[in-house]
Amino acid sequence: MMKRLIVLVLSFTLIVGGLWFTTTNGYKFLKGYFLFKTSQEQTVSAEPIEPLEESKEVEELVNQREEQEGIPDPLYPVRPSKGEHMGELIIPKLDAELPIYHGTHEDELEKGVGHFEGSVLPGESDNSVLSGHRDTVFRKLGEVERGDILIVRTIAGEFTYKVKRVRIVDKEDRTVIVPKPTPTLTVSTCYPFDFIGSAPDRYILVADLISSEYNEH
């Protein structure tokens, strides 16, 4: 008799608990399923996304800006080869016009000013780096001061820079070739100028682009 009573109580408890679980969690399940199906239907019926549209608009704005400013695109249709004569560096204060060669190995530096291959070409955005020997092309570079003008002439045009900073750094200092947010010309040579042997430092001119005259390709 007692065993039957216990079984009845347990059965009743399970039935009531089952009904409660079914009504509450069942509702949550149905609600969740309904929301899932609704969002799925909305996703399927939504207009297809065109991620390239924004890129096209940005490209059009860039093209319009370049047309307004007269900037050729690209500035250099053909990049120079290693060792190629690519232009001239004009330093009005020194009354000097120096040939520029693409590359900074001894083969290039023996002939004139070398353009560091890992940097952008003159006139382009970012940091264009030129180097030369202190006992040949840059023997008087120490006379160039802040505010003086540097002109680079290439197949792309003539680019005028104004020296904004003069630095003396260790020869291992890599900040000389770091990228710049604006068109910059960095000119480097060994220092001190009268040092005998391998000079320990570098004499650096940092100049901002102030004007450009483009050639027609």
Foldseek 3Di string as FASTA:
>chain_A
DVVVVVVVVVVVVVVVVVVVCCVVVVVVVVVVVVVVVVVVVCVVPDDDDDVCPVVVVVVVVVVVVCVVVVQDVVLDPDDDDAQDFFWWKQFVVVRDIWIEGEDDDPSRQVRTKYWHNVFDDAPDFKETEIEHECVPHNVPVVVDDAQGWMWIQGLFFIWIWGFHDKDKAFPPDPVQRDIDRGRKYKYKYAPDSPDPDHGGIIIITIIHTDDTDGDDD
